[in-house]
Every structure is written in C-alpha cells, then in structure tokens.
Amino acid sequence: MVKFSKQFEGQLVPEWKEAFVDYWQLKKDLKKMQVHGLVYQEDKPLRPTLAHSLLSPLKKLPLFGSHAHKDHGVIQVHKKLASSESKGDVYETELLDRFADTDAAKEFFARLDLQLNKVNQFYKRKEGEFMERGELLKKQMEILLDLKAALKRRRGEKGLSNDSKDDPSISCSVASEGSTQVVIEEEEQQQQIQETQTGEFIERVDDSGGLIKARREEGKLRSLSGRVITCQGKNLKINIPLTTPTRTISAITNLVWEDLVSQSKKYGLEGGNKVSINKTKLHHAEKMIRGAFVELYKGLGYLRTYRNLNMMAFVKILKKFDKVTGKEVMPIYLKVVESSYFNSSDKAIKLMDEVEELFVKHFAEDNKRKAMKYLNPRQRQESHAVTFFIGLFAGCFIALFIGYCIMAHIAGMYTGRSDSVYMETVYPVLRDIFLICTTSMTVVVGVMLAHLTLTVKGHSSTEVQAIPGILLLMFITLLVCPVNILYRSSRYLFLRIIRNIFLSPLYKVIMVDFFMADQLCSQVPLLRNLENIACYYITGSYKTQDYGYCMRTKHFRDLSYAVSFLPYYWRAMQCGRRWFDEGEMSHLINLGKYVSAMMAAGVKVAYEKEQNVGWLSLVVIVSTTATVYQLYWDFVKDWGLLQFNSKNPWLRNDLILRRKYIYYLSMGLNLVLRLAWLQTVVHPNFGSLDSRVTSFLLAALEVIRRGHWNFYRLENEHLNNAGKFRAVKTVPLPFHEVDQD
C-alpha cells in the first residue's frame, strides 16, 4: 500500500506546493516529541504514581465529573478575527493538559495552526479569483451569443443558409479613436508574473505582494483589433492574441490600415469610421472563450484536489499525534478543521457545476459526454502489448546488431583497409537512419545487415546503393502519412512542433516548442549528414558513387554553414519572442547564449574548410567563450545548481536524488562533454577507427549530455517551476466592455 506522504507528494499541484500543508515538517515535529519523551507505548505503559493508582477508580464515577473532563479535552482551539478582513479567521490552539504542556507539543500545535491558517487564506484567495473569472466569462458568453444572434439575423435578411460560403458581417462604428487603454485587469497571486496575452498590460507582483502595472508601448501590435467599437448597443473592444503567423500579419495589416484611416480623417476624408465583425472573428472569439472555460474548469478541479488533499493531511497527522502521545486530540481539532473556510465553503463546487452546464449547452450541443472530453480528458490506458513488443524488438535489435558488427569486423569495413566507397556513401546514410528511427531499430539494423551482405558478395548495382535512401524515404512517408495508423496524433503533434520551430518567432512559444528546439541544438551533426544525404540522392551521385561531388559544390559548402547554426538561430528567435511576450530580460540573456553558439558553429565549419592558424585561433577563442557561457547557464539557470546559500552544499534546496554526489558527477561529465569541440582542434586518433566513426561516437556523447540536461532541467522545472509556468493558464478573453465618458 502506498504511503500517504508519497500519495500526497504525487497529487499536489507543483505551482501551489508552498500553499499545501507542510506534512513532512509536522512529521518531524512529532519525532521531536518522541525524543523529548512525550510518547505513549502500548507494550510499556508509563508507570503510574501511587496517587494516580488510588484516584483513578474514583475518576470513573459520574460524581467526580469524568464527563466534564472528557468534554473539556486536552486542547482548546480559539478562533480570532485576523487583522486583515481578506485573511478571514485565524485559529490558535491552547494546551490544557499538564502532561502535554511541553515545548515540543507547543511547537507542534503552533505549526499546525499556522498550516491551517495558511490553507484557509490561500483557498479563499484562489476561490475569489476563480469566482471573478467565472463572472467575467459569463459576460463574455452573453456578448458572444448576442453577436452570433445578430449575425444569424443578418444572414436571414440576406437569405443565406448556414452552409453558405458567403460571410456577411455586422457593421459597427468606431466609438472613439485611440481608446486602447482600457482592459480587464486581473489580480495575480504573490510571487507570480502574468501577462495578458493581448499585450496591453503586464502585472508583476513585487516582494511586498503589491501589483506593479507596466504599460507595454508595443502592445498595439499584439492584437488583431485594439479599437473601441460600438456594436449591438455596447461599447466593445475585441482582442485576438497573436499566436499564429496569420494573426501576426493581420495585426500589422490592421495597424497600417488604422494609420491610413487616421490620415483620411485628418484630411477630411470619409468612410473611415466603420468596422465589421464577421463569422471568422466570432469563430476566433468563440475558441478563446471555450479555452477559457476549459482552463477555469481545470483550475476549479485543482482547487478541489487542494481541498481534499489538505483535509486528508490534517486527518493523517492528527491520527499520528494521537498514536504517538496517547491523547485524544483528533476529534477536537478535526472538528475545527471541518468547519474552517477551506472545507466548508461550497462556492467553488457550485461554480464548477455551473461551468459544466454552460459548456454542455453552448459548446457540446447538450452532449455531456462530448463536453467532458474537453473539460476532463482521461489518459488512455496502455495495454501489456506495449511491454511485449518492447521486449521483442529489443531482443531482435541486439541479435541483428551483434551480427552486423561481427560481419563488419570480418569485412574490415571500419578500418583503413576498407573500401572508401562504403564509408563515404552507405555508412553515413544508415547511421543517420539509425539515429532517427530508434523506435524501428529492428528494421534498420536488418536492412544494414542485408545491404552489407550484398556488398560483400560483390553486388554493386545502382539498386543496391539505393536501399538506404529508399528506407529513409519510407520513414519520412510514414511520418506524414494522413491515415490514422501508427500513432497519427503523436506524429502530427511532432510535425506541428517542428513547424512552430521553423517559423520562429511568428508562433507564440510554449514549453514543448523550446524543449524540442533544445534537442535540435544537439543534432547539428545529424542535420549536416541529412544535408549530405539529400544532395547525394537528389543529384543522382549514388548511381556513379561520386560521394565527393557534394563536397566540391560551392552551393553545398555554403549551405553547410547555414545548417550548422540553424538550430541555434531557431532557439534564439524563440528567446526573442518570449522576451517580446513576457518582457523578462533573462530571455534576452539566453538569446545571447545561442548567438555565441551560432558563432562557434560557424567558425568551426569555416576552420574545417580553411584549416589555418588564424581560423584555429578564432575557433579556440569563440568556442571557449561560448562554452563558459553555456556551462553557466546549464548549472545556474537550467539546472538550478551552484546555489551558495542552499541547505545542500552548492546545490539547490529541493532535490530528487538522495545521493548528492551524483549531481557533482553530472556537472563534471557535462563539463567534459561540453568540450567535445576540442576534437576539431586536436583531431584525436583512436587506433585504426575511421574519422567518421569517431564523429559518430562524439555525436552519441552529445546525446548523452543532452539526456543529462533534460533530466536536471525537468527536475528543476518540476520542483521549482523554473520557467514560471502556471497550473492554470489565464486565457485572454476577446471582448472588453468599455465605458465611454
């Protein structure tokens, strides 16, 4: 059976971790009480005194007030009004029993009261935020329904059916020019930074908990429409966030159009005071409101989990206290906990039901099952077949790979005695396929074995040389296959992420985008080999086995420069977009890290072509600077290590691994692997191994380094929310009612 502490840790919301009951510290306080002798042992009860032996039978009689003592208990919890009305009631426990009146017991109940007050205050604050968000969403829904009804009437007046491709619009007038300063302001929790995605205001929380509002001058570019319009008798402002390239281009177009309109008004021209709301804009607005309902429902679910877990934590810790001390404290204190605000308030539960009803009615066509797929998606249950096939293919891979290595050794393919044609043409292709298609490693190694067998037997026809290219083409075709087979949703998600990376900074950057872009930064050798493969097969060099043709072509050499620093460019553009959206200077500093990596990659490519003392010196200087920059960012920013004031020497406070020396070993390994660029300068010779095999081994070491980085980056994210991501996203809303003076 899983211990409650593990269950508690696994289910709590990471962002709200500090607001949960500190169950582990309360357990430590109980251990202190055991050390101080405040322990009740059933097998060895405390030795009673003579007076206690004589009076104990009499205490059982009603005449001596045993019932009064039982009702009075050993503690009494007082409820007081806090200094601030927003904090609600404050609880304070008084110890009444002389035996329990010790420093350890006082410390335990003082901490228990502190946890109860903290939970109540946090729950009340978050509940208020969700209630305010709920009321705002209801108003948004009313506006959307009114506009949809007006558009439907407009279609009816024109005699258009619902299936018609014509898109009539509702004509609205501009209420006032330049009225773009009014937005809905939302209160954020302490120590959190949240930006409304319309870009008009950033709300920051300073150390004292106060809100600091900073106006963004470039905010006008971040929405499709920033003008106040009068439509259906309401003064509205419609904001659509710039999350796609189409919306970004539309925003720039609208901005230019607004300037033209203002110029026409300046010179007395007419026709610039009308705007329209069509079906497309309403569709975008509806998607935004639907997403906001989903996030609100998810947040209310988290709040319910917060409530239940904390209630269980109080029950468990009080039960442990009674077991350790032999006192009956649990019924008294638990009664107070049950009547406290976080457990007695039902506002969030009612709002959750109301959100569910609204979503079923307006977004799921009164189909509750369909609505719950959006509001409460369930994780797909995995079958044991996955485990079976993992074992099957792993065994096949090992057997085929051993066979391939033995045959390659016998044929002398990886030594200086081998034919250069194989190492220049077939080996790079199959290596890259091996790296890309690890999930299909059985097929890959099988083709490698078959191809090598045909080569050893003397088959050198064009068809044999085309086998690796055909295999690569098969996997690319499988990746973009539209048929719903072989994890189509995962394949298409991967393609969407790659699209977002390629088109940086036009797309808004989320965690999965920059995490994948970081992986591409470790795959520069792979991308360069893919470039070589494309040239080799597209130009038809595989037919003549002229593997040096691409290296002799100037355009190919120039393209290798671009391929070498493209991943760093994409990542730098993502950092620039995040700085634009969030306004944090740390993103600009991170951008500088990738710019230094781009310079190092370009210099190394240039040195490979020229190989003179000047380029060698430049490689050492630029690569050393970039390495120091990257190591600092790895250890301090991404991993959260090298904290001098931490309770763990030079490590951060919260760690997953118990053995701390593993972190130091990982830092040393990361340092060594970061210096892999030295092979460009030193040109190490590992016996009779071909240089391409050496490059493959170094690329594999970079994959290992990236694996280390992934673990510690995600550990830091999970424990400390290093990226400041939120459990519940504040989805921007499209409609903002404006009061015109």
Foldseek 3Di string as FASTA:
>chain_A
DDDLVVVLVVPADQVCVVLFQPLVVLVVLLVVCVVVPLFADPVDGDDDDPVCVVCVVVLVDVVNPVVVDVVVFQKDKDWDADPDNLLGIAIDMDGRDPSQPDPSNNVSRVSVSVSLSSNQNVLSVLLVLLVVLLVVLVVLVVVLVVQVVVQVVVCVVVPHDPPDPDKDWFKWFFPDPPPQQDDDDGQDFAPFWDDALLQQWTWDQDPVRDTDIDGDPPSQLFFLWRTFIQGPNFTKTFGQGQFFLVGNVSSVVVVVLVVVLVVCVVVPHDDSGMDTDIPVSSVSQVVLSLLQLLLSLLSLVSLVVSLVSSLVSLQVSQVVVCNTNVGDCNVNVNVVSCPRNSNPDCSSVVSSVVSLVVCCVPPVVVDSVVSCCRNPNDDDDDDCVVVVVVVVLVVLLVVLVVVLVVLCVVQVCFFPVHDVLCVLQVVLLLLLVCVPPVVPSNVSSVLSVVLVVCVVVPDLALVSSCSSVVVVVVVVCVLPPPDPPDPVVVSVVVVVLVVPLLPFPSRQDDDVNLLVLVVVLLCLVSQLSVLLNCCCPVVVVSRVSPSCPLVPDPVSLVVNLCSQLVSLVSNLSNLVNCCSSRVDCVSVLVSVLSVLVSVLSNLLSVCVVVVDPVSLVVNVVSLVVSLVSVLCCLACQQLVFQDPPEPPHRGHPDDDDPPVVVVVVLSVLLSVLSPLCCCSVPVDDDPRGDVVVVVSVNSVSSVVNVVSSVVSNVRCCSNPVSVSDDPRHNRHRTIDTDDDD
